[in-house]
Amino acid sequence: QDAALAADHDWPRTVAYACGNPAMVRAARDRLCAAGLPPDRFVSEAFV
């Protein structure tokens, strides 16, 4: 999520998918939405 936020993505025009560690998924959701990603465009799957 740090690498994604350091890039020049146009978050209001972006959809994001996250899959993997649950801690990553939770942190990515919070930070990307705070950066301007619409919450309904964060799609995730977390497996433990």
All heavy atoms as atom14 arrays in JSON, in Angstrom:
{
  "sequence": "QDAALAADHDWPRTVAYACGNPAMVRAARDRLCAAGLPPDRFVSEAFV",
  "atom14_mask": [
    [1, 1, 1, 1, 1, 1, 1, 1, 1, 0, 0, 0, 0, 0],
    [1, 1, 1, 1, 1, 1, 1, 1, 0, 0, 0, 0, 0, 0],
    [1, 1, 1, 1, 1, 0, 0, 0, 0, 0, 0, 0, 0, 0],
    [1, 1, 1, 1, 1, 0, 0, 0, 0, 0, 0, 0, 0, 0],
    [1, 1, 1, 1, 1, 1, 1, 1, 0, 0, 0, 0, 0, 0],
    [1, 1, 1, 1, 1, 0, 0, 0, 0, 0, 0, 0, 0, 0],
    [1, 1, 1, 1, 1, 0, 0, 0, 0, 0, 0, 0, 0, 0],
    [1, 1, 1, 1, 1, 1, 1, 1, 0, 0, 0, 0, 0, 0],
    [1, 1, 1, 1, 1, 1, 1, 1, 1, 1, 0, 0, 0, 0],
    [1, 1, 1, 1, 1, 1, 1, 1, 0, 0, 0, 0, 0, 0],
    [1, 1, 1, 1, 1, 1, 1, 1, 1, 1, 1, 1, 1, 1],
    [1, 1, 1, 1, 1, 1, 1, 0, 0, 0, 0, 0, 0, 0],
    [1, 1, 1, 1, 1, 1, 1, 1, 1, 1, 1, 0, 0, 0],
    [1, 1, 1, 1, 1, 1, 1, 0, 0, 0, 0, 0, 0, 0],
    [1, 1, 1, 1, 1, 1, 1, 0, 0, 0, 0, 0, 0, 0],
    [1, 1, 1, 1, 1, 0, 0, 0, 0, 0, 0, 0, 0, 0],
    [1, 1, 1, 1, 1, 1, 1, 1, 1, 1, 1, 1, 0, 0],
    [1, 1, 1, 1, 1, 0, 0, 0, 0, 0, 0, 0, 0, 0],
    [1, 1, 1, 1, 1, 1, 0, 0, 0, 0, 0, 0, 0, 0],
    [1, 1, 1, 1, 0, 0, 0, 0, 0, 0, 0, 0, 0, 0],
    [1, 1, 1, 1, 1, 1, 1, 1, 0, 0, 0, 0, 0, 0],
    [1, 1, 1, 1, 1, 1, 1, 0, 0, 0, 0, 0, 0, 0],
    [1, 1, 1, 1, 1, 0, 0, 0, 0, 0, 0, 0, 0, 0],
    [1, 1, 1, 1, 1, 1, 1, 1, 0, 0, 0, 0, 0, 0],
    [1, 1, 1, 1, 1, 1, 1, 0, 0, 0, 0, 0, 0, 0],
    [1, 1, 1, 1, 1, 1, 1, 1, 1, 1, 1, 0, 0, 0],
    [1, 1, 1, 1, 1, 0, 0, 0, 0, 0, 0, 0, 0, 0],
    [1, 1, 1, 1, 1, 0, 0, 0, 0, 0, 0, 0, 0, 0],
    [1, 1, 1, 1, 1, 1, 1, 1, 1, 1, 1, 0, 0, 0],
    [1, 1, 1, 1, 1, 1, 1, 1, 0, 0, 0, 0, 0, 0],
    [1, 1, 1, 1, 1, 1, 1, 1, 1, 1, 1, 0, 0, 0],
    [1, 1, 1, 1, 1, 1, 1, 1, 0, 0, 0, 0, 0, 0],
    [1, 1, 1, 1, 1, 1, 0, 0, 0, 0, 0, 0, 0, 0],
    [1, 1, 1, 1, 1, 0, 0, 0, 0, 0, 0, 0, 0, 0],
    [1, 1, 1, 1, 1, 0, 0, 0, 0, 0, 0, 0, 0, 0],
    [1, 1, 1, 1, 0, 0, 0, 0, 0, 0, 0, 0, 0, 0],
    [1, 1, 1, 1, 1, 1, 1, 1, 0, 0, 0, 0, 0, 0],
    [1, 1, 1, 1, 1, 1, 1, 0, 0, 0, 0, 0, 0, 0],
    [1, 1, 1, 1, 1, 1, 1, 0, 0, 0, 0, 0, 0, 0],
    [1, 1, 1, 1, 1, 1, 1, 1, 0, 0, 0, 0, 0, 0],
    [1, 1, 1, 1, 1, 1, 1, 1, 1, 1, 1, 0, 0, 0],
    [1, 1, 1, 1, 1, 1, 1, 1, 1, 1, 1, 0, 0, 0],
    [1, 1, 1, 1, 1, 1, 1, 0, 0, 0, 0, 0, 0, 0],
    [1, 1, 1, 1, 1, 1, 0, 0, 0, 0, 0, 0, 0, 0],
    [1, 1, 1, 1, 1, 1, 1, 1, 1, 0, 0, 0, 0, 0],
    [1, 1, 1, 1, 1, 0, 0, 0, 0, 0, 0, 0, 0, 0],
    [1, 1, 1, 1, 1, 1, 1, 1, 1, 1, 1, 0, 0, 0],
    [1, 1, 1, 1, 1, 1, 1, 0, 0, 0, 0, 0, 0, 0]
  ],
  "atom14_positions": [
    [[0.82, -1.21, 0.0], [0.0, 0.0, 0.0], [0.86, 1.27, 0.0], [0.47, 2.29, -0.57], [-0.98, 0.0, 1.18], [-0.36, -0.06, 2.56], [-0.2, -1.48, 3.06], [-0.1, -2.41, 2.25], [-0.2, -1.67, 4.36], [0.0, 0.0, 0.0], [0.0, 0.0, 0.0], [0.0, 0.0, 0.0], [0.0, 0.0, 0.0], [0.0, 0.0, 0.0]],
    [[2.05, 1.19, 0.64], [2.96, 2.34, 0.6], [3.43, 2.59, -0.82], [3.5, 3.74, -1.28], [4.16, 2.09, 1.51], [3.78, 1.87, 2.96], [2.93, 2.63, 3.46], [4.31, 0.94, 3.58], [0.0, 0.0, 0.0], [0.0, 0.0, 0.0], [0.0, 0.0, 0.0], [0.0, 0.0, 0.0], [0.0, 0.0, 0.0], [0.0, 0.0, 0.0]],
    [[3.78, 1.52, -1.52], [4.25, 1.66, -2.9], [3.14, 2.24, -3.79], [3.41, 3.1, -4.65], [4.71, 0.31, -3.43], [0.0, 0.0, 0.0], [0.0, 0.0, 0.0], [0.0, 0.0, 0.0], [0.0, 0.0, 0.0], [0.0, 0.0, 0.0], [0.0, 0.0, 0.0], [0.0, 0.0, 0.0], [0.0, 0.0, 0.0], [0.0, 0.0, 0.0]],
    [[1.91, 1.79, -3.59], [0.8, 2.29, -4.4], [0.55, 3.77, -4.13], [0.33, 4.56, -5.06], [-0.46, 1.48, -4.13], [0.0, 0.0, 0.0], [0.0, 0.0, 0.0], [0.0, 0.0, 0.0], [0.0, 0.0, 0.0], [0.0, 0.0, 0.0], [0.0, 0.0, 0.0], [0.0, 0.0, 0.0], [0.0, 0.0, 0.0], [0.0, 0.0, 0.0]],
    [[0.62, 4.16, -2.87], [0.36, 5.56, -2.52], [1.48, 6.47, -2.98], [1.27, 7.67, -3.19], [0.15, 5.68, -1.0], [-1.16, 5.08, -0.49], [-1.13, 4.95, 1.02], [-2.34, 5.95, -0.93], [0.0, 0.0, 0.0], [0.0, 0.0, 0.0], [0.0, 0.0, 0.0], [0.0, 0.0, 0.0], [0.0, 0.0, 0.0], [0.0, 0.0, 0.0]],
    [[2.69, 5.93, -3.14], [3.81, 6.75, -3.6], [3.75, 7.01, -5.1], [4.46, 7.88, -5.6], [5.13, 6.06, -3.24], [0.0, 0.0, 0.0], [0.0, 0.0, 0.0], [0.0, 0.0, 0.0], [0.0, 0.0, 0.0], [0.0, 0.0, 0.0], [0.0, 0.0, 0.0], [0.0, 0.0, 0.0], [0.0, 0.0, 0.0], [0.0, 0.0, 0.0]],
    [[2.91, 6.27, -5.82], [2.78, 6.44, -7.27], [1.74, 7.53, -7.57], [1.09, 8.07, -6.67], [2.4, 5.12, -7.92], [0.0, 0.0, 0.0], [0.0, 0.0, 0.0], [0.0, 0.0, 0.0], [0.0, 0.0, 0.0], [0.0, 0.0, 0.0], [0.0, 0.0, 0.0], [0.0, 0.0, 0.0], [0.0, 0.0, 0.0], [0.0, 0.0, 0.0]],
    [[1.57, 7.81, -8.86], [0.69, 8.91, -9.26], [-0.67, 8.42, -9.74], [-1.16, 8.83, -10.79], [1.36, 9.75, -10.36], [1.67, 8.91, -11.6], [1.68, 7.67, -11.49], [1.89, 9.51, -12.67], [0.0, 0.0, 0.0], [0.0, 0.0, 0.0], [0.0, 0.0, 0.0], [0.0, 0.0, 0.0], [0.0, 0.0, 0.0], [0.0, 0.0, 0.0]],
    [[-1.3, 7.56, -8.99], [-2.61, 7.04, -9.4], [-3.7, 8.1, -9.22], [-3.68, 8.87, -8.25], [-2.96, 5.8, -8.58], [-2.03, 4.66, -8.81], [-1.96, 3.99, -10.01], [-1.1, 4.07, -8.0], [-1.04, 3.05, -9.93], [-0.5, 3.07, -8.73], [0.0, 0.0, 0.0], [0.0, 0.0, 0.0], [0.0, 0.0, 0.0], [0.0, 0.0, 0.0]],
    [[-4.63, 8.09, -10.16], [-5.8, 8.97, -10.1], [-6.87, 8.23, -9.3], [-7.74, 7.56, -9.86], [-6.27, 9.29, -11.51], [-7.43, 10.28, -11.54], [-7.87, 10.7, -10.45], [-7.89, 10.63, -12.64], [0.0, 0.0, 0.0], [0.0, 0.0, 0.0], [0.0, 0.0, 0.0], [0.0, 0.0, 0.0], [0.0, 0.0, 0.0], [0.0, 0.0, 0.0]],
    [[-6.8, 8.3, -7.97], [-7.63, 7.46, -7.12], [-9.14, 7.61, -7.37], [-9.87, 6.6, -7.34], [-7.3, 7.7, -5.64], [-5.91, 7.24, -5.3], [-4.85, 8.01, -4.93], [-5.42, 5.89, -5.32], [-3.72, 7.23, -4.73], [-4.05, 5.93, -4.95], [-6.01, 4.66, -5.61], [-3.28, 4.78, -4.87], [-5.23, 3.52, -5.54], [-3.87, 3.58, -5.17]],
    [[-9.68, 8.81, -7.63], [-11.13, 8.87, -7.9], [-11.55, 8.1, -9.16], [-12.73, 7.79, -9.31], [-11.38, 10.38, -8.07], [-10.29, 11.03, -7.27], [-9.09, 10.15, -7.49], [0.0, 0.0, 0.0], [0.0, 0.0, 0.0], [0.0, 0.0, 0.0], [0.0, 0.0, 0.0], [0.0, 0.0, 0.0], [0.0, 0.0, 0.0], [0.0, 0.0, 0.0]],
    [[-10.6, 7.78, -10.06], [-10.93, 7.05, -11.28], [-10.37, 5.62, -11.25], [-10.19, 5.0, -12.29], [-10.39, 7.8, -12.5], [-11.07, 9.13, -12.74], [-10.49, 9.84, -13.96], [-11.18, 11.07, -14.23], [-12.27, 11.19, -14.98], [-12.79, 10.11, -15.54], [-12.85, 12.35, -15.17], [0.0, 0.0, 0.0], [0.0, 0.0, 0.0], [0.0, 0.0, 0.0]],
    [[-10.06, 5.15, -10.06], [-9.39, 3.86, -9.9], [-10.28, 2.85, -9.19], [-11.1, 3.22, -8.35], [-8.07, 4.05, -9.11], [-7.2, 4.88, -9.87], [-7.39, 2.73, -8.81], [0.0, 0.0, 0.0], [0.0, 0.0, 0.0], [0.0, 0.0, 0.0], [0.0, 0.0, 0.0], [0.0, 0.0, 0.0], [0.0, 0.0, 0.0], [0.0, 0.0, 0.0]],
    [[-10.12, 1.56, -9.52], [-10.66, 0.47, -8.73], [-9.47, -0.34, -8.22], [-8.49, -0.53, -8.95], [-11.63, -0.41, -9.54], [-10.96, -1.04, -10.74], [-12.25, -1.5, -8.66], [0.0, 0.0, 0.0], [0.0, 0.0, 0.0], [0.0, 0.0, 0.0], [0.0, 0.0, 0.0], [0.0, 0.0, 0.0], [0.0, 0.0, 0.0], [0.0, 0.0, 0.0]],
    [[-9.51, -0.75, -6.97], [-8.39, -1.47, -6.36], [-8.87, -2.83, -5.85], [-9.95, -2.94, -5.25], [-7.79, -0.67, -5.21], [0.0, 0.0, 0.0], [0.0, 0.0, 0.0], [0.0, 0.0, 0.0], [0.0, 0.0, 0.0], [0.0, 0.0, 0.0], [0.0, 0.0, 0.0], [0.0, 0.0, 0.0], [0.0, 0.0, 0.0], [0.0, 0.0, 0.0]],
    [[-8.05, -3.86, -6.09], [-8.29, -5.2, -5.57], [-7.11, -5.57, -4.67], [-5.95, -5.32, -5.03], [-8.38, -6.22, -6.7], [-9.67, -6.2, -7.48], [-9.92, -5.22, -8.43], [-10.66, -7.18, -7.28], [-11.09, -5.2, -9.17], [-11.83, -7.17, -8.01], [-12.05, -6.18, -8.95], [-13.22, -6.17, -9.67], [0.0, 0.0, 0.0], [0.0, 0.0, 0.0]],
    [[-7.41, -6.17, -3.53], [-6.35, -6.6, -2.61], [-6.62, -8.04, -2.21], [-7.75, -8.41, -1.87], [-6.31, -5.71, -1.37], [0.0, 0.0, 0.0], [0.0, 0.0, 0.0], [0.0, 0.0, 0.0], [0.0, 0.0, 0.0], [0.0, 0.0, 0.0], [0.0, 0.0, 0.0], [0.0, 0.0, 0.0], [0.0, 0.0, 0.0], [0.0, 0.0, 0.0]],
    [[-5.55, -8.85, -2.22], [-5.69, -10.26, -1.87], [-4.44, -10.72, -1.14], [-3.32, -10.5, -1.63], [-5.91, -11.11, -3.12], [-6.35, -12.83, -2.78], [0.0, 0.0, 0.0], [0.0, 0.0, 0.0], [0.0, 0.0, 0.0], [0.0, 0.0, 0.0], [0.0, 0.0, 0.0], [0.0, 0.0, 0.0], [0.0, 0.0, 0.0], [0.0, 0.0, 0.0]],
    [[-4.63, -11.29, 0.04], [-3.48, -11.78, 0.79], [-3.64, -11.6, 2.28], [-4.72, -11.83, 2.83], [0.0, 0.0, 0.0], [0.0, 0.0, 0.0], [0.0, 0.0, 0.0], [0.0, 0.0, 0.0], [0.0, 0.0, 0.0], [0.0, 0.0, 0.0], [0.0, 0.0, 0.0], [0.0, 0.0, 0.0], [0.0, 0.0, 0.0], [0.0, 0.0, 0.0]],
    [[-2.59, -11.14, 2.92], [-2.55, -11.0, 4.37], [-3.67, -10.09, 4.86], [-3.83, -8.97, 4.36], [-1.19, -10.44, 4.77], [-1.03, -10.34, 6.27], [-1.59, -9.45, 6.89], [-0.27, -11.26, 6.84], [0.0, 0.0, 0.0], [0.0, 0.0, 0.0], [0.0, 0.0, 0.0], [0.0, 0.0, 0.0], [0.0, 0.0, 0.0], [0.0, 0.0, 0.0]],
    [[-4.47, -10.52, 5.86], [-5.58, -9.68, 6.33], [-5.13, -8.32, 6.84], [-5.84, -7.33, 6.66], [-6.2, -10.53, 7.46], [-5.82, -11.93, 7.13], [-4.46, -11.86, 6.5], [0.0, 0.0, 0.0], [0.0, 0.0, 0.0], [0.0, 0.0, 0.0], [0.0, 0.0, 0.0], [0.0, 0.0, 0.0], [0.0, 0.0, 0.0], [0.0, 0.0, 0.0]],
    [[-3.96, -8.24, 7.49], [-3.49, -6.95, 7.98], [-3.22, -5.99, 6.82], [-3.53, -4.8, 6.9], [-2.22, -7.15, 8.81], [0.0, 0.0, 0.0], [0.0, 0.0, 0.0], [0.0, 0.0, 0.0], [0.0, 0.0, 0.0], [0.0, 0.0, 0.0], [0.0, 0.0, 0.0], [0.0, 0.0, 0.0], [0.0, 0.0, 0.0], [0.0, 0.0, 0.0]],
    [[-2.66, -6.51, 5.73], [-2.44, -5.68, 4.55], [-3.77, -5.2, 3.99], [-3.92, -4.02, 3.64], [-1.67, -6.47, 3.49], [-1.45, -5.72, 2.17], [-2.83, -5.79, 0.98], [-2.69, -7.48, 0.39], [0.0, 0.0, 0.0], [0.0, 0.0, 0.0], [0.0, 0.0, 0.0], [0.0, 0.0, 0.0], [0.0, 0.0, 0.0], [0.0, 0.0, 0.0]],
    [[-4.74, -6.1, 3.88], [-6.03, -5.74, 3.31], [-6.68, -4.63, 4.12], [-7.18, -3.64, 3.56], [-6.94, -6.98, 3.22], [-8.36, -6.57, 2.82], [-6.38, -7.99, 2.22], [0.0, 0.0, 0.0], [0.0, 0.0, 0.0], [0.0, 0.0, 0.0], [0.0, 0.0, 0.0], [0.0, 0.0, 0.0], [0.0, 0.0, 0.0], [0.0, 0.0, 0.0]],
    [[-6.66, -4.76, 5.45], [-7.29, -3.73, 6.29], [-6.56, -2.4, 6.17], [-7.19, -1.33, 6.04], [-7.32, -4.2, 7.74], [-8.3, -5.34, 8.0], [-8.47, -5.58, 9.49], [-7.26, -6.1, 10.1], [-7.02, -7.4, 10.25], [-7.89, -8.29, 9.8], [-5.92, -7.82, 10.84], [0.0, 0.0, 0.0], [0.0, 0.0, 0.0], [0.0, 0.0, 0.0]],
    [[-5.24, -2.42, 6.23], [-4.47, -1.19, 6.14], [-4.63, -0.53, 4.77], [-4.76, 0.69, 4.67], [-3.0, -1.47, 6.43], [0.0, 0.0, 0.0], [0.0, 0.0, 0.0], [0.0, 0.0, 0.0], [0.0, 0.0, 0.0], [0.0, 0.0, 0.0], [0.0, 0.0, 0.0], [0.0, 0.0, 0.0], [0.0, 0.0, 0.0], [0.0, 0.0, 0.0]],
    [[-4.62, -1.34, 3.72], [-4.75, -0.79, 2.37], [-6.12, -0.13, 2.19], [-6.23, 0.94, 1.58], [-4.54, -1.9, 1.34], [0.0, 0.0, 0.0], [0.0, 0.0, 0.0], [0.0, 0.0, 0.0], [0.0, 0.0, 0.0], [0.0, 0.0, 0.0], [0.0, 0.0, 0.0], [0.0, 0.0, 0.0], [0.0, 0.0, 0.0], [0.0, 0.0, 0.0]],
    [[-7.16, -0.78, 2.69], [-8.5, -0.2, 2.56], [-8.54, 1.19, 3.21], [-9.01, 2.17, 2.59], [-9.55, -1.1, 3.2], [-10.96, -0.53, 3.14], [-11.96, -1.35, 3.91], [-12.01, -2.72, 3.43], [-11.53, -3.77, 4.08], [-10.96, -3.61, 5.27], [-11.63, -4.96, 3.58], [0.0, 0.0, 0.0], [0.0, 0.0, 0.0], [0.0, 0.0, 0.0]],
    [[-8.06, 1.29, 4.42], [-8.12, 2.57, 5.13], [-7.32, 3.65, 4.42], [-7.78, 4.78, 4.23], [-7.6, 2.39, 6.56], [-8.5, 1.51, 7.41], [-9.68, 1.32, 7.02], [-8.04, 1.01, 8.45], [0.0, 0.0, 0.0], [0.0, 0.0, 0.0], [0.0, 0.0, 0.0], [0.0, 0.0, 0.0], [0.0, 0.0, 0.0], [0.0, 0.0, 0.0]],
    [[-6.1, 3.32, 4.0], [-5.21, 4.33, 3.46], [-5.58, 4.74, 2.04], [-5.5, 5.92, 1.68], [-3.77, 3.85, 3.54], [-3.29, 3.62, 4.98], [-1.81, 3.36, 5.05], [-1.06, 4.49, 4.51], [0.22, 4.43, 4.17], [0.88, 3.29, 4.3], [0.83, 5.49, 3.68], [0.0, 0.0, 0.0], [0.0, 0.0, 0.0], [0.0, 0.0, 0.0]],
    [[-5.97, 3.78, 1.21], [-6.33, 4.13, -0.16], [-7.62, 4.94, -0.2], [-7.74, 5.89, -0.99], [-6.47, 2.87, -1.01], [-5.2, 2.42, -1.76], [-4.04, 2.2, -0.82], [-5.48, 1.16, -2.57], [0.0, 0.0, 0.0], [0.0, 0.0, 0.0], [0.0, 0.0, 0.0], [0.0, 0.0, 0.0], [0.0, 0.0, 0.0], [0.0, 0.0, 0.0]],
    [[-8.59, 4.58, 0.64], [-9.83, 5.36, 0.68], [-9.57, 6.77, 1.21], [-10.18, 7.75, 0.75], [-10.89, 4.64, 1.51], [-11.5, 3.11, 0.74], [0.0, 0.0, 0.0], [0.0, 0.0, 0.0], [0.0, 0.0, 0.0], [0.0, 0.0, 0.0], [0.0, 0.0, 0.0], [0.0, 0.0, 0.0], [0.0, 0.0, 0.0], [0.0, 0.0, 0.0]],
    [[-8.67, 6.89, 2.17], [-8.32, 8.22, 2.67], [-7.64, 9.05, 1.58], [-7.74, 10.29, 1.58], [-7.4, 8.09, 3.88], [0.0, 0.0, 0.0], [0.0, 0.0, 0.0], [0.0, 0.0, 0.0], [0.0, 0.0, 0.0], [0.0, 0.0, 0.0], [0.0, 0.0, 0.0], [0.0, 0.0, 0.0], [0.0, 0.0, 0.0], [0.0, 0.0, 0.0]],
    [[-6.97, 8.39, 0.64], [-6.28, 9.09, -0.45], [-7.23, 9.49, -1.57], [-6.82, 10.21, -2.49], [-5.16, 8.23, -1.01], [0.0, 0.0, 0.0], [0.0, 0.0, 0.0], [0.0, 0.0, 0.0], [0.0, 0.0, 0.0], [0.0, 0.0, 0.0], [0.0, 0.0, 0.0], [0.0, 0.0, 0.0], [0.0, 0.0, 0.0], [0.0, 0.0, 0.0]],
    [[-8.48, 9.03, -1.53], [-9.45, 9.43, -2.54], [-10.08, 8.3, -3.32], [-10.94, 8.54, -4.17], [0.0, 0.0, 0.0], [0.0, 0.0, 0.0], [0.0, 0.0, 0.0], [0.0, 0.0, 0.0], [0.0, 0.0, 0.0], [0.0, 0.0, 0.0], [0.0, 0.0, 0.0], [0.0, 0.0, 0.0], [0.0, 0.0, 0.0], [0.0, 0.0, 0.0]],
    [[-9.69, 7.04, -3.04], [-10.33, 5.9, -3.69], [-11.77, 5.78, -3.18], [-11.98, 5.71, -1.97], [-9.57, 4.62, -3.4], [-10.16, 3.33, -3.98], [-9.94, 3.27, -5.49], [-9.56, 2.1, -3.3], [0.0, 0.0, 0.0], [0.0, 0.0, 0.0], [0.0, 0.0, 0.0], [0.0, 0.0, 0.0], [0.0, 0.0, 0.0], [0.0, 0.0, 0.0]],
    [[-12.78, 5.75, -4.05], [-14.15, 5.54, -3.57], [-14.26, 4.22, -2.81], [-13.78, 3.19, -3.29], [-14.98, 5.52, -4.87], [-14.16, 6.29, -5.85], [-12.73, 5.97, -5.51], [0.0, 0.0, 0.0], [0.0, 0.0, 0.0], [0.0, 0.0, 0.0], [0.0, 0.0, 0.0], [0.0, 0.0, 0.0], [0.0, 0.0, 0.0], [0.0, 0.0, 0.0]],
    [[-14.85, 4.22, -1.62], [-14.89, 2.99, -0.8], [-15.52, 1.8, -1.51], [-15.11, 0.66, -1.27], [-15.72, 3.42, 0.42], [-15.52, 4.9, 0.51], [-15.43, 5.38, -0.9], [0.0, 0.0, 0.0], [0.0, 0.0, 0.0], [0.0, 0.0, 0.0], [0.0, 0.0, 0.0], [0.0, 0.0, 0.0], [0.0, 0.0, 0.0], [0.0, 0.0, 0.0]],
    [[-16.51, 2.05, -2.39], [-17.13, 0.91, -3.06], [-16.29, 0.37, -4.2], [-16.68, -0.58, -4.88], [-18.52, 1.29, -3.56], [-18.51, 2.44, -4.57], [-17.47, 3.13, -4.67], [-19.54, 2.65, -5.23], [0.0, 0.0, 0.0], [0.0, 0.0, 0.0], [0.0, 0.0, 0.0], [0.0, 0.0, 0.0], [0.0, 0.0, 0.0], [0.0, 0.0, 0.0]],
    [[-15.1, 0.96, -4.41], [-14.19, 0.45, -5.43], [-12.95, -0.19, -4.82], [-11.93, -0.35, -5.49], [-13.77, 1.57, -6.39], [-14.92, 2.08, -7.25], [-14.41, 2.94, -8.37], [-15.46, 3.77, -8.91], [-15.26, 5.01, -9.37], [-14.07, 5.54, -9.33], [-16.26, 5.71, -9.85], [0.0, 0.0, 0.0], [0.0, 0.0, 0.0], [0.0, 0.0, 0.0]],
    [[-13.03, -0.53, -3.55], [-11.98, -1.34, -2.93], [-12.57, -2.74, -2.74], [-13.52, -2.93, -1.98], [-11.54, -0.77, -1.59], [-10.39, -1.53, -0.98], [-9.08, -1.15, -1.24], [-10.61, -2.63, -0.16], [-8.01, -1.86, -0.69], [-9.56, -3.35, 0.39], [-8.25, -2.95, 0.12], [0.0, 0.0, 0.0], [0.0, 0.0, 0.0], [0.0, 0.0, 0.0]],
    [[-12.02, -3.71, -3.45], [-12.54, -5.07, -3.44], [-11.45, -5.97, -2.88], [-10.29, -5.86, -3.28], [-12.94, -5.53, -4.85], [-13.72, -6.83, -4.79], [-13.75, -4.46, -5.56], [0.0, 0.0, 0.0], [0.0, 0.0, 0.0], [0.0, 0.0, 0.0], [0.0, 0.0, 0.0], [0.0, 0.0, 0.0], [0.0, 0.0, 0.0], [0.0, 0.0, 0.0]],
    [[-11.8, -6.85, -1.94], [-10.74, -7.58, -1.24], [-11.12, -9.01, -0.95], [-12.29, -9.38, -0.91], [-10.39, -6.87, 0.07], [-11.48, -6.89, 0.96], [0.0, 0.0, 0.0], [0.0, 0.0, 0.0], [0.0, 0.0, 0.0], [0.0, 0.0, 0.0], [0.0, 0.0, 0.0], [0.0, 0.0, 0.0], [0.0, 0.0, 0.0], [0.0, 0.0, 0.0]],
    [[-10.08, -9.8, -0.73], [-10.2, -11.18, -0.26], [-9.02, -11.42, 0.66], [-7.87, -11.16, 0.29], [-10.14, -12.15, -1.42], [-10.55, -13.57, -1.06], [-12.06, -13.75, -1.1], [-12.7, -13.49, -0.07], [-12.58, -14.16, -2.14], [0.0, 0.0, 0.0], [0.0, 0.0, 0.0], [0.0, 0.0, 0.0], [0.0, 0.0, 0.0], [0.0, 0.0, 0.0]],
    [[-9.29, -11.84, 1.87], [-8.22, -12.1, 2.83], [-8.29, -13.55, 3.28], [-9.34, -14.04, 3.68], [-8.35, -11.18, 4.06], [0.0, 0.0, 0.0], [0.0, 0.0, 0.0], [0.0, 0.0, 0.0], [0.0, 0.0, 0.0], [0.0, 0.0, 0.0], [0.0, 0.0, 0.0], [0.0, 0.0, 0.0], [0.0, 0.0, 0.0], [0.0, 0.0, 0.0]],
    [[-7.15, -14.24, 3.21], [-7.08, -15.63, 3.65], [-6.05, -15.74, 4.77], [-4.98, -15.15, 4.71], [-6.66, -16.55, 2.52], [-7.71, -16.74, 1.47], [-7.4, -16.66, 0.13], [-9.02, -16.97, 1.82], [-8.37, -16.84, -0.84], [-10.0, -17.16, 0.87], [-9.68, -17.08, -0.46], [0.0, 0.0, 0.0], [0.0, 0.0, 0.0], [0.0, 0.0, 0.0]],
    [[-6.39, -16.52, 5.77], [-5.46, -16.8, 6.86], [-5.13, -18.29, 6.81], [-6.04, -19.13, 6.79], [-6.08, -16.45, 8.24], [-5.11, -16.78, 9.35], [-6.46, -14.98, 8.28], [0.0, 0.0, 0.0], [0.0, 0.0, 0.0], [0.0, 0.0, 0.0], [0.0, 0.0, 0.0], [0.0, 0.0, 0.0], [0.0, 0.0, 0.0], [0.0, 0.0, 0.0]]
  ]
}
